[in-house]
Amino acid sequence: MDEIWFYAVWAVGSYLVGSALVGDLICRAKGIDIRKLGTGNPGTANIWRQVGPKYGIAVFVLDILKGVIVTLPLRLLDIELEWIAISMFCMLLGQFFPIFFRFQGNTGMAALFGTAAGLIPLGAAIAAPVAIIKFAVTRNVGWSGGIFFATSWLAGGLWYMSDWGWLGVVYLMAGSILVFIKQYTQYRNSPDKTDNSSN
C-alpha cells in the first residue's frame, strides 16, 4: 500500500487513539478525579490502588488494546515496519500529550505493551505470559513491565535475527526509552513516587 494519505490518516488516528486516556474516562464516569489522588497518574497502578483492582485491570487491558489497534492491522497488511513504528510513536505522543486532556497525559507503558503485537508479534506472545506470572507473584506493575520488555526484546531479536524483522526490537526499545523518560520526568516532582506505573 503506497498511498501517502493512508499513512497520514493512520498516524493522526494513532495520536487520537493515544489521546483517549481510558483511565481518566473510567474514573470520570465514576465521578472521581484521579488526577487528585495518589500520584495523580491516570494509569493502571494508581487507579488500582485509589479506585479498585477491577478498574485498574480494565484500564490495563484497554490501554494494551490501544497499542494493538494502531500496530497489528498494519502488520497483517504487511506494511513496512517503519510505518508501524511511526504509528507507535504517534500513539505514544497521544498518551504523553493528549489533545483531549489539555496535553496532560500518562506514561504510556501499557499502551506500549500492545504495540509489540505489531512490531514483534512472536516476541510479544512469548513475553506476555512471563510478565503475567511476574505480576501475579509480585503485584508490581513496573517490574512486570520491565520483564515484558526484556523478554520480548530477547525473544524477538532471536526469532527475527535472520531478516530485517529485528528492527521491530529496535523500534520497541526506542519506544521503551521514551516511556521511561516520560515516567521519570512525570514523577520527578511528584509528592508520591511509589506508583511503579504501567501507564
Protein backbone atom coordinates (compact mmCIF):
# COMPACT_ATOMS: atom_id res chain seq x y z
CA MET A 1 0.00 0.00 0.00
CA ASP A 2 1.69 3.20 -1.22
CA GLU A 3 -0.99 5.86 -0.74
CA ILE A 4 0.57 8.53 1.46
CA TRP A 5 -2.86 9.74 2.56
CA PHE A 6 -3.48 6.34 4.19
CA TYR A 7 -0.35 6.62 6.29
CA ALA A 8 -1.08 10.24 7.19
CA VAL A 9 -4.61 9.41 8.32
CA TRP A 10 -3.36 6.38 10.25
CA ALA A 11 -0.69 8.45 12.01
CA VAL A 12 -3.22 11.11 13.04
CA GLY A 13 -5.64 8.38 14.11
CA SER A 14 -2.91 6.74 16.19
CA TYR A 15 -2.30 10.03 18.00
CA LEU A 16 -6.02 10.41 18.69
CA VAL A 17 -6.26 6.83 19.97
CA GLY A 18 -3.38 7.57 22.33
CA SER A 19 -5.09 10.78 23.42
CA ALA A 20 -8.16 8.88 24.62
CA LEU A 21 -6.93 8.21 28.16
CA VAL A 22 -9.15 5.38 29.32
CA GLY A 23 -8.06 5.78 32.94
CA ASP A 24 -9.36 9.32 33.03
CA LEU A 25 -12.56 8.35 31.21
CA ILE A 26 -13.36 5.44 33.55
CA CYS A 27 -12.69 7.50 36.66
CA ARG A 28 -14.75 10.43 35.40
CA ALA A 29 -17.63 8.06 34.71
CA LYS A 30 -17.46 7.16 38.42
CA GLY A 31 -17.30 10.80 39.45
CA ILE A 32 -13.66 10.51 40.54
CA ASP A 33 -10.86 12.93 39.65
CA ILE A 34 -7.91 10.53 39.58
CA ARG A 35 -5.56 13.46 38.99
CA LYS A 36 -6.11 14.47 42.64
CA LEU A 37 -5.48 11.01 44.11
CA GLY A 38 -2.21 9.22 44.82
CA THR A 39 0.38 10.07 42.21
CA GLY A 40 -2.21 11.79 40.05
CA ASN A 41 -1.38 9.46 37.17
CA PRO A 42 -4.43 8.13 35.28
CA GLY A 43 -2.76 4.77 34.83
CA THR A 44 -3.15 1.19 35.96
CA ALA A 45 -1.18 1.26 39.22
CA ASN A 46 -2.66 4.47 40.60
CA ILE A 47 -6.22 3.50 39.63
CA TRP A 48 -5.68 0.00 41.06
CA ARG A 49 -4.78 1.50 44.45
CA GLN A 50 -7.08 4.51 44.54
CA VAL A 51 -10.22 3.23 42.79
CA GLY A 52 -10.00 -0.55 42.90
CA PRO A 53 -8.29 -3.58 41.31
CA LYS A 54 -11.04 -4.29 38.78
CA TYR A 55 -10.80 -0.75 37.45
CA GLY A 56 -7.03 -0.95 37.30
CA ILE A 57 -7.24 -4.18 35.33
CA ALA A 58 -9.81 -2.64 32.97
CA VAL A 59 -7.51 0.31 32.28
CA PHE A 60 -4.56 -2.02 31.76
CA VAL A 61 -6.37 -4.22 29.25
CA LEU A 62 -7.91 -1.31 27.34
CA ASP A 63 -4.58 0.53 27.12
CA ILE A 64 -2.91 -2.60 25.77
CA LEU A 65 -5.68 -2.84 23.18
CA LYS A 66 -4.91 0.72 22.08
CA GLY A 67 -1.36 -0.32 21.21
CA VAL A 68 -2.62 -3.42 19.41
CA ILE A 69 -5.17 -1.42 17.41
CA VAL A 70 -2.63 1.03 15.98
CA THR A 71 0.03 -1.53 15.03
CA LEU A 72 -1.32 -5.05 14.47
CA PRO A 73 -3.60 -4.18 11.50
CA LEU A 74 -0.58 -2.72 9.69
CA ARG A 75 1.36 -5.91 10.40
CA LEU A 76 -1.48 -8.01 8.99
CA LEU A 77 -1.49 -5.81 5.88
CA ASP A 78 2.25 -6.44 5.51
CA ILE A 79 3.06 -2.74 5.90
CA GLU A 80 6.73 -1.86 6.35
CA LEU A 81 8.00 -1.83 9.93
CA GLU A 82 8.92 1.84 9.63
CA TRP A 83 5.26 2.80 9.31
CA ILE A 84 4.29 0.54 12.19
CA ALA A 85 6.93 2.27 14.30
CA ILE A 86 5.64 5.71 13.27
CA SER A 87 2.16 4.63 14.39
CA MET A 88 3.62 3.55 17.72
CA PHE A 89 5.38 6.88 18.21
CA CYS A 90 2.23 8.83 17.27
CA MET A 91 0.18 6.79 19.72
CA LEU A 92 2.75 7.41 22.48
CA LEU A 93 2.69 11.11 21.67
CA GLY A 94 -1.05 11.00 22.31
CA GLN A 95 -0.51 9.18 25.61
CA PHE A 96 2.08 11.71 26.73
CA PHE A 97 0.34 14.85 25.44
CA PRO A 98 -3.35 14.06 24.83
CA ILE A 99 -5.30 16.71 22.96
CA PHE A 100 -8.46 15.70 24.83
CA PHE A 101 -6.92 16.29 28.28
CA ARG A 102 -5.07 19.59 27.89
CA PHE A 103 -1.91 17.74 26.84
CA GLN A 104 -1.51 16.27 30.33
CA GLY A 105 -1.10 12.55 29.80
CA ASN A 106 0.37 9.47 31.39
CA THR A 107 3.49 7.37 30.89
CA GLY A 108 2.08 5.04 28.22
CA MET A 109 3.67 1.79 29.34
CA ALA A 110 0.60 -0.45 28.98
CA ALA A 111 -0.18 1.03 25.56
CA LEU A 112 3.42 0.34 24.54
CA PHE A 113 2.93 -3.31 25.55
CA GLY A 114 0.21 -3.53 22.93
CA THR A 115 2.39 -2.10 20.16
CA ALA A 116 4.66 -5.12 20.48
CA ALA A 117 1.88 -7.14 18.85
CA GLY A 118 2.54 -5.30 15.60
CA LEU A 119 6.29 -4.80 15.90
CA ILE A 120 7.43 -8.21 17.15
CA PRO A 121 4.30 -10.39 17.48
CA LEU A 122 6.07 -13.64 18.35
CA GLY A 123 8.32 -11.91 20.87
CA ALA A 124 5.24 -10.36 22.48
CA ALA A 125 3.44 -13.71 22.56
CA ILE A 126 6.36 -15.26 24.43
CA ALA A 127 6.82 -12.31 26.80
CA ALA A 128 3.16 -11.84 27.77
CA PRO A 129 2.73 -14.97 29.95
CA VAL A 130 6.11 -14.34 31.62
CA ALA A 131 5.04 -10.81 32.56
CA ILE A 132 1.64 -12.02 33.77
CA ILE A 133 3.28 -14.58 36.05
CA LYS A 134 5.66 -11.93 37.36
CA PHE A 135 2.75 -9.63 38.17
CA ALA A 136 0.75 -12.43 39.81
CA VAL A 137 3.68 -13.12 42.12
CA THR A 138 4.84 -9.56 42.88
CA ARG A 139 1.80 -7.32 42.17
CA ASN A 140 4.40 -4.84 40.89
CA VAL A 141 3.36 -3.37 37.55
CA GLY A 142 6.67 -1.61 36.94
CA TRP A 143 8.80 -4.72 37.37
CA SER A 144 6.36 -6.79 35.33
CA GLY A 145 6.62 -4.24 32.53
CA GLY A 146 10.39 -4.41 32.65
CA ILE A 147 10.25 -8.21 32.43
CA PHE A 148 7.87 -7.97 29.47
CA PHE A 149 10.15 -5.65 27.55
CA ALA A 150 13.33 -7.57 28.31
CA THR A 151 11.76 -10.91 27.34
CA SER A 152 10.14 -9.55 24.18
CA TRP A 153 13.41 -7.91 23.11
CA LEU A 154 15.36 -11.12 23.61
CA ALA A 155 12.77 -13.45 22.08
CA GLY A 156 12.01 -11.08 19.22
CA GLY A 157 15.68 -10.48 18.48
CA LEU A 158 16.43 -14.20 18.35
CA TRP A 159 13.32 -15.07 16.32
CA TYR A 160 13.73 -12.33 13.71
CA MET A 161 17.53 -12.44 13.58
CA SER A 162 17.62 -13.82 10.04
CA ASP A 163 15.74 -10.91 8.42
CA TRP A 164 15.01 -7.25 8.89
CA GLY A 165 12.33 -8.10 11.44
CA TRP A 166 14.86 -7.45 14.20
CA LEU A 167 14.28 -3.76 13.54
CA GLY A 168 10.98 -4.21 15.35
CA VAL A 169 13.00 -4.87 18.50
CA VAL A 170 14.98 -1.66 17.94
CA TYR A 171 11.80 0.36 17.48
CA LEU A 172 10.23 -1.15 20.60
CA MET A 173 13.39 -0.34 22.55
CA ALA A 174 13.17 3.26 21.36
CA GLY A 175 9.55 3.42 22.49
CA SER A 176 10.55 1.94 25.86
CA ILE A 177 13.21 4.61 26.34
CA LEU A 178 10.63 7.33 25.67
CA VAL A 179 8.23 5.75 28.17
CA PHE A 180 10.85 5.54 30.89
CA ILE A 181 11.95 9.13 30.24
CA LYS A 182 8.32 10.27 30.49
CA GLN A 183 7.87 8.26 33.68
CA TYR A 184 11.00 9.78 35.22
CA THR A 185 10.07 13.36 34.33
CA GLN A 186 6.44 12.91 35.39
CA TYR A 187 7.31 11.55 38.84
CA ARG A 188 10.45 13.55 39.48
CA ASN A 189 8.49 16.27 41.28
CA SER A 190 5.59 14.11 42.42
CA PRO A 191 4.90 14.02 46.18
CA ASP A 192 4.12 10.31 45.82
CA LYS A 193 6.72 8.47 43.75
CA THR A 194 5.60 4.97 44.58
CA ASP A 195 3.42 4.44 41.51
CA ASN A 196 5.60 1.99 39.55
CA SER A 197 3.10 2.85 36.87
CA SER A 198 2.21 0.89 33.77
CA ASN A 199 0.71 3.99 32.24
